[in-house]
C-alpha atoms as a PDB file:
ATOM      1  CA  MET A   1      15.650 -26.265  43.453  1.00  0.00           C
ATOM      2  CA  ASP A   2      12.654 -25.961  45.391  1.00  0.00           C
ATOM      3  CA  LYS A   3      11.096 -24.165  42.606  1.00  0.00           C
ATOM      4  CA  GLU A   4      11.913 -26.860  40.165  1.00  0.00           C
ATOM      5  CA  VAL A   5      10.487 -29.536  42.427  1.00  0.00           C
ATOM      6  CA  TRP A   6       7.333 -27.540  42.981  1.00  0.00           C
ATOM      7  CA  SER A   7       7.060 -26.964  39.287  1.00  0.00           C
ATOM      8  CA  LEU A   8       7.413 -30.659  38.685  1.00  0.00           C
ATOM      9  CA  VAL A   9       4.850 -31.492  41.402  1.00  0.00           C
ATOM     10  CA  TRP A  10       2.499 -28.907  39.992  1.00  0.00           C
ATOM     11  CA  LYS A  11       2.850 -30.340  36.474  1.00  0.00           C
ATOM     12  CA  ALA A  12       2.336 -33.899  37.763  1.00  0.00           C
ATOM     13  CA  THR A  13      -0.760 -32.822  39.727  1.00  0.00           C
ATOM     14  CA  ASN A  14      -2.186 -31.072  36.684  1.00  0.00           C
ATOM     15  CA  PHE A  15      -1.533 -34.137  34.603  1.00  0.00           C
ATOM     16  CA  ILE A  16      -3.209 -36.421  37.167  1.00  0.00           C
ATOM     17  CA  ILE A  17      -6.212 -34.080  37.391  1.00  0.00           C
ATOM     18  CA  LEU A  18      -6.441 -33.995  33.602  1.00  0.00           C
ATOM     19  CA  VAL A  19      -6.308 -37.779  33.422  1.00  0.00           C
ATOM     20  CA  VAL A  20      -8.989 -38.138  36.160  1.00  0.00           C
ATOM     21  CA  ILE A  21     -11.272 -35.617  34.418  1.00  0.00           C
ATOM     22  CA  LEU A  22     -10.757 -37.288  31.049  1.00  0.00           C
ATOM     23  CA  TYR A  23     -11.386 -40.675  32.641  1.00  0.00           C
ATOM     24  CA  LYS A  24     -14.613 -39.441  34.268  1.00  0.00           C
ATOM     25  CA  LEU A  25     -15.813 -37.836  31.041  1.00  0.00           C
ATOM     26  CA  LEU A  26     -14.681 -40.488  28.582  1.00  0.00           C
ATOM     27  CA  ALA A  27     -14.743 -43.678  30.637  1.00  0.00           C
ATOM     28  CA  GLY A  28     -18.346 -44.561  29.680  1.00  0.00           C
ATOM     29  CA  LEU A  29     -17.748 -43.828  26.012  1.00  0.00           C
ATOM     30  CA  ILE A  30     -14.481 -45.721  25.943  1.00  0.00           C
ATOM     31  CA  ARG A  31     -16.006 -48.668  27.800  1.00  0.00           C
ATOM     32  CA  THR A  32     -18.959 -48.707  25.343  1.00  0.00           C
ATOM     33  CA  PHE A  33     -16.606 -48.417  22.367  1.00  0.00           C
ATOM     34  CA  PHE A  34     -14.418 -51.283  23.541  1.00  0.00           C
ATOM     35  CA  ASN A  35     -17.430 -53.417  24.523  1.00  0.00           C
ATOM     36  CA  ASN A  36     -18.966 -52.864  21.062  1.00  0.00           C
ATOM     37  CA  ARG A  37     -15.632 -53.481  19.400  1.00  0.00           C
ATOM     38  CA  SER A  38     -15.158 -56.652  21.463  1.00  0.00           C
ATOM     39  CA  LEU A  39     -18.680 -57.835  20.547  1.00  0.00           C
ATOM     40  CA  SER A  40     -18.083 -57.044  16.873  1.00  0.00           C
ATOM     41  CA  ILE A  41     -14.792 -58.950  16.865  1.00  0.00           C
ATOM     42  CA  ARG A  42     -16.474 -61.882  18.657  1.00  0.00           C
ATOM     43  CA  ASN A  43     -19.275 -61.939  16.020  1.00  0.00           C
ATOM     44  CA  GLU A  44     -16.748 -61.781  13.200  1.00  0.00           C
ATOM     45  CA  ILE A  45     -14.783 -64.645  14.760  1.00  0.00           C
ATOM     46  CA  GLU A  46     -17.994 -66.712  15.119  1.00  0.00           C
ATOM     47  CA  GLU A  47     -18.928 -65.961  11.488  1.00  0.00           C
ATOM     48  CA  ALA A  48     -15.420 -66.879  10.378  1.00  0.00           C
ATOM     49  CA  ASN A  49     -15.686 -70.143  12.343  1.00  0.00           C
ATOM     50  CA  ARG A  50     -19.068 -70.921  10.770  1.00  0.00           C
ATOM     51  CA  THR A  51     -17.673 -70.177   7.320  1.00  0.00           C
ATOM     52  CA  LYS A  52     -14.649 -72.317   8.088  1.00  0.00           C
ATOM     53  CA  ARG A  53     -16.827 -75.239   9.271  1.00  0.00           C
ATOM     54  CA  GLU A  54     -19.006 -74.925   6.142  1.00  0.00           C
ATOM     55  CA  ALA A  55     -15.918 -74.839   3.930  1.00  0.00           C
ATOM     56  CA  GLU A  56     -14.485 -77.890   5.736  1.00  0.00           C
ATOM     57  CA  ARG A  57     -17.807 -79.743   5.365  1.00  0.00           C
ATOM     58  CA  ARG A  58     -17.972 -78.872   1.657  1.00  0.00           C
ATOM     59  CA  TYR A  59     -14.315 -79.841   1.242  1.00  0.00           C
ATOM     60  CA  GLU A  60     -15.015 -83.207   2.881  1.00  0.00           C
ATOM     61  CA  GLU A  61     -18.040 -83.800   0.615  1.00  0.00           C
ATOM     62  CA  LEU A  62     -15.976 -82.985  -2.468  1.00  0.00           C
ATOM     63  CA  ARG A  63     -13.051 -85.100  -1.250  1.00  0.00           C
ATOM     64  CA  VAL A  64     -15.348 -88.111  -0.720  1.00  0.00           C
ATOM     65  CA  ARG A  65     -17.027 -87.503  -4.060  1.00  0.00           C
ATOM     66  CA  LEU A  66     -13.650 -87.221  -5.751  1.00  0.00           C
ATOM     67  CA  GLU A  67     -12.578 -90.497  -4.142  1.00  0.00           C
ATOM     68  CA  ASN A  68     -15.759 -92.117  -5.474  1.00  0.00           C
ATOM     69  CA  ILE A  69     -15.631 -90.445  -8.892  1.00  0.00           C
ATOM     70  CA  ASP A  70     -14.296 -93.599 -10.545  1.00  0.00           C
ATOM     71  CA  LYS A  71     -17.210 -95.587  -9.128  1.00  0.00           C
ATOM     72  CA  GLU A  72     -19.665 -92.927 -10.282  1.00  0.00           C
ATOM     73  CA  ILE A  73     -18.119 -92.922 -13.768  1.00  0.00           C
ATOM     74  CA  GLU A  74     -18.341 -96.717 -13.860  1.00  0.00           C
ATOM     75  CA  LYS A  75     -21.991 -96.603 -12.736  1.00  0.00           C
ATOM     76  CA  MET A  76     -22.822 -94.013 -15.396  1.00  0.00           C
ATOM     77  CA  THR A  77     -20.961 -96.022 -18.040  1.00  0.00           C
ATOM     78  CA  ASP A  78     -22.857 -99.171 -17.057  1.00  0.00           C
ATOM     79  CA  LEU A  79     -26.122 -97.243 -17.094  1.00  0.00           C
ATOM     80  CA  PHE A  80     -25.395 -95.877 -20.579  1.00  0.00           C
ATOM     81  CA  LYS A  81     -24.419 -99.351 -21.777  1.00  0.00           C
ATOM     82  CA  ASP A  82     -27.625-100.825 -20.381  1.00  0.00           C
ATOM     83  CA  GLU A  83     -29.707 -98.079 -21.959  1.00  0.00           C
ATOM     84  CA  GLY A  84     -27.846 -98.573 -25.247  1.00  0.00           C
ATOM     85  CA  LEU A  85     -28.459-102.323 -25.173  1.00  0.00           C
ATOM     86  CA  ALA A  86     -32.120-101.782 -24.372  1.00  0.00           C
ATOM     87  CA  GLU A  87     -32.402 -99.325 -27.264  1.00  0.00           C
ATOM     88  CA  LYS A  88     -30.586-101.786 -29.534  1.00  0.00           C
ATOM     89  CA  GLU A  89     -33.023-104.563 -28.562  1.00  0.00           C
ATOM     90  CA  LYS A  90     -35.940-102.238 -29.193  1.00  0.00           C
ATOM     91  CA  ILE A  91     -34.605-101.323 -32.644  1.00  0.00           C
ATOM     92  CA  ILE A  92     -34.015-104.991 -33.495  1.00  0.00           C
ATOM     93  CA  GLU A  93     -37.526-105.914 -32.331  1.00  0.00           C
ATOM     94  CA  ASN A  94     -39.037-103.104 -34.411  1.00  0.00           C
ATOM     95  CA  ALA A  95     -36.998-104.253 -37.409  1.00  0.00           C
ATOM     96  CA  ARG A  96     -38.289-107.814 -36.928  1.00  0.00           C
ATOM     97  CA  LYS A  97     -41.858-106.575 -36.771  1.00  0.00           C
ATOM     98  CA  ASP A  98     -41.341-104.461 -39.888  1.00  0.00           C
ATOM     99  CA  ALA A  99     -39.763-107.413 -41.719  1.00  0.00           C
ATOM    100  CA  GLU A 100     -42.720-109.615 -40.728  1.00  0.00           C
ATOM    101  CA  LYS A 101     -45.159-106.996 -42.022  1.00  0.00           C
ATOM    102  CA  ILE A 102     -43.249-106.779 -45.302  1.00  0.00           C
ATOM    103  CA  ARG A 103     -43.291-110.579 -45.607  1.00  0.00           C
ATOM    104  CA  GLU A 104     -47.038-110.660 -44.969  1.00  0.00           C
ATOM    105  CA  GLN A 105     -47.640-107.918 -47.531  1.00  0.00           C
ATOM    106  CA  ALA A 106     -45.468-109.722 -50.068  1.00  0.00           C
ATOM    107  CA  THR A 107     -47.328-112.997 -49.415  1.00  0.00           C
ATOM    108  CA  ARG A 108     -50.685-111.266 -49.907  1.00  0.00           C
ATOM    109  CA  ALA A 109     -49.439-109.586 -53.086  1.00  0.00           C
ATOM    110  CA  ILE A 110     -48.180-112.921 -54.429  1.00  0.00           C
ATOM    111  CA  GLU A 111     -51.496-114.595 -53.592  1.00  0.00           C
ATOM    112  CA  GLN A 112     -53.380-111.830 -55.402  1.00  0.00           C
ATOM    113  CA  GLU A 113     -51.119-112.168 -58.430  1.00  0.00           C
ATOM    114  CA  VAL A 114     -51.621-115.955 -58.427  1.00  0.00           C
ATOM    115  CA  ILE A 115     -55.404-115.453 -58.308  1.00  0.00           C
ATOM    116  CA  LYS A 116     -55.213-112.963 -61.202  1.00  0.00           C
ATOM    117  CA  ALA A 117     -52.962-115.273 -63.204  1.00  0.00           C
ATOM    118  CA  ARG A 118     -55.310-118.233 -62.659  1.00  0.00           C
ATOM    119  CA  ALA A 119     -58.286-116.119 -63.726  1.00  0.00           C
ATOM    120  CA  MET A 120     -56.428-115.001 -66.849  1.00  0.00           C
ATOM    121  CA  ILE A 121     -55.418-118.570 -67.652  1.00  0.00           C
ATOM    122  CA  ARG A 122     -59.012-119.776 -67.167  1.00  0.00           C
ATOM    123  CA  GLU A 123     -60.289-116.992 -69.393  1.00  0.00           C
ATOM    124  CA  GLU A 124     -57.744-117.722 -72.090  1.00  0.00           C
ATOM    125  CA  TYR A 125     -58.374-121.443 -71.727  1.00  0.00           C
ATOM    126  CA  ALA A 126     -62.135-120.906 -72.010  1.00  0.00           C
ATOM    127  CA  GLU A 127     -61.644-118.693 -75.084  1.00  0.00           C
ATOM    128  CA  SER A 128     -59.410-121.324 -76.630  1.00  0.00           C
ATOM    129  CA  ILE A 129     -61.963-124.060 -75.924  1.00  0.00           C
ATOM    130  CA  VAL A 130     -64.749-121.946 -77.409  1.00  0.00           C
ATOM    131  CA  GLU A 131     -62.627-121.171 -80.462  1.00  0.00           C
ATOM    132  CA  MET A 132     -61.699-124.820 -80.894  1.00  0.00           C
ATOM    133  CA  ALA A 133     -65.351-125.817 -80.483  1.00  0.00           C
ATOM    134  CA  GLU A 134     -66.386-123.239 -83.085  1.00  0.00           C
ATOM    135  CA  ASN A 135     -63.782-124.499 -85.495  1.00  0.00           C
ATOM    136  CA  LEU A 136     -64.788-128.098 -84.857  1.00  0.00           C
ATOM    137  CA  ILE A 137     -68.457-127.271 -85.298  1.00  0.00           C
ATOM    138  CA  LYS A 138     -67.760-125.292 -88.467  1.00  0.00           C
ATOM    139  CA  LYS A 139     -65.869-128.233 -89.895  1.00  0.00           C
ATOM    140  CA  ARG A 140     -68.469-130.843 -89.000  1.00  0.00           C
ATOM    141  CA  LEU A 141     -71.654-128.822 -89.236  1.00  0.00           C
ATOM    142  CA  THR A 142     -73.550-129.334 -92.411  1.00  0.00           C
ATOM    143  CA  ASN A 143     -76.338-127.263 -93.968  1.00  0.00           C
ATOM    144  CA  GLU A 144     -78.920-129.702 -92.687  1.00  0.00           C
ATOM    145  CA  ASP A 145     -77.531-129.458 -89.122  1.00  0.00           C
ATOM    146  CA  GLN A 146     -77.665-125.661 -89.337  1.00  0.00           C
ATOM    147  CA  GLN A 147     -81.262-125.770 -90.569  1.00  0.00           C
ATOM    148  CA  GLN A 148     -82.261-128.078 -87.706  1.00  0.00           C
ATOM    149  CA  ILE A 149     -80.547-125.808 -85.064  1.00  0.00           C
ATOM    150  CA  VAL A 150     -82.352-122.723 -86.425  1.00  0.00           C
ATOM    151  CA  GLU A 151     -85.709-124.490 -86.298  1.00  0.00           C
ATOM    152  CA  GLU A 152     -85.156-125.681 -82.724  1.00  0.00           C
ATOM    153  CA  TYR A 153     -84.198-122.173 -81.703  1.00  0.00           C
ATOM    154  CA  ILE A 154     -87.304-120.668 -83.285  1.00  0.00           C
ATOM    155  CA  GLU A 155     -89.530-123.230 -81.516  1.00  0.00           C
ATOM    156  CA  LYS A 156     -87.982-122.356 -78.161  1.00  0.00           C
ATOM    157  CA  VAL A 157     -88.478-118.623 -78.793  1.00  0.00           C
ATOM    158  CA  VAL A 158     -92.119-119.217 -79.727  1.00  0.00           C
ATOM    159  CA  GLN A 159     -92.733-121.306 -76.622  1.00  0.00           C
ATOM    160  CA  LEU A 160     -91.282-118.598 -74.398  1.00  0.00           C
ATOM    161  CA  ASN A 161     -93.567-115.948 -75.896  1.00  0.00           C
END
């Protein structure tokens, strides 16, 4: 049994030596690896926390906006109504102005037509008067009256020359 115990002691000593050598050789690398891994995990956790806070902030903004969506819709509806009423008033005002222009143009056209009609009536009236005067003169004018008119006309022509 002694041999078995020594064999076991020898194996345990070899194992301990192997572990000590591995620790001496790999301790710095393992420490660096775990420090880097720890730092990487810490950075990822911080990034995840930042992302979470941003998502919570955005969620809160959207939740508040969603709560106020009815008010926003009402505001927009009122705004569109006001703009529509303003546009309606503008259209009505333009229509009034156009109607006034048309009335003025019609009044001017009527006045022009009245002036033309009066001129035509005067012309026709004057022609009628002249025609009636001619007829009256022809009926009442005698040969002696014609002779006297011709002589007076000749005297006036001679005086002018």
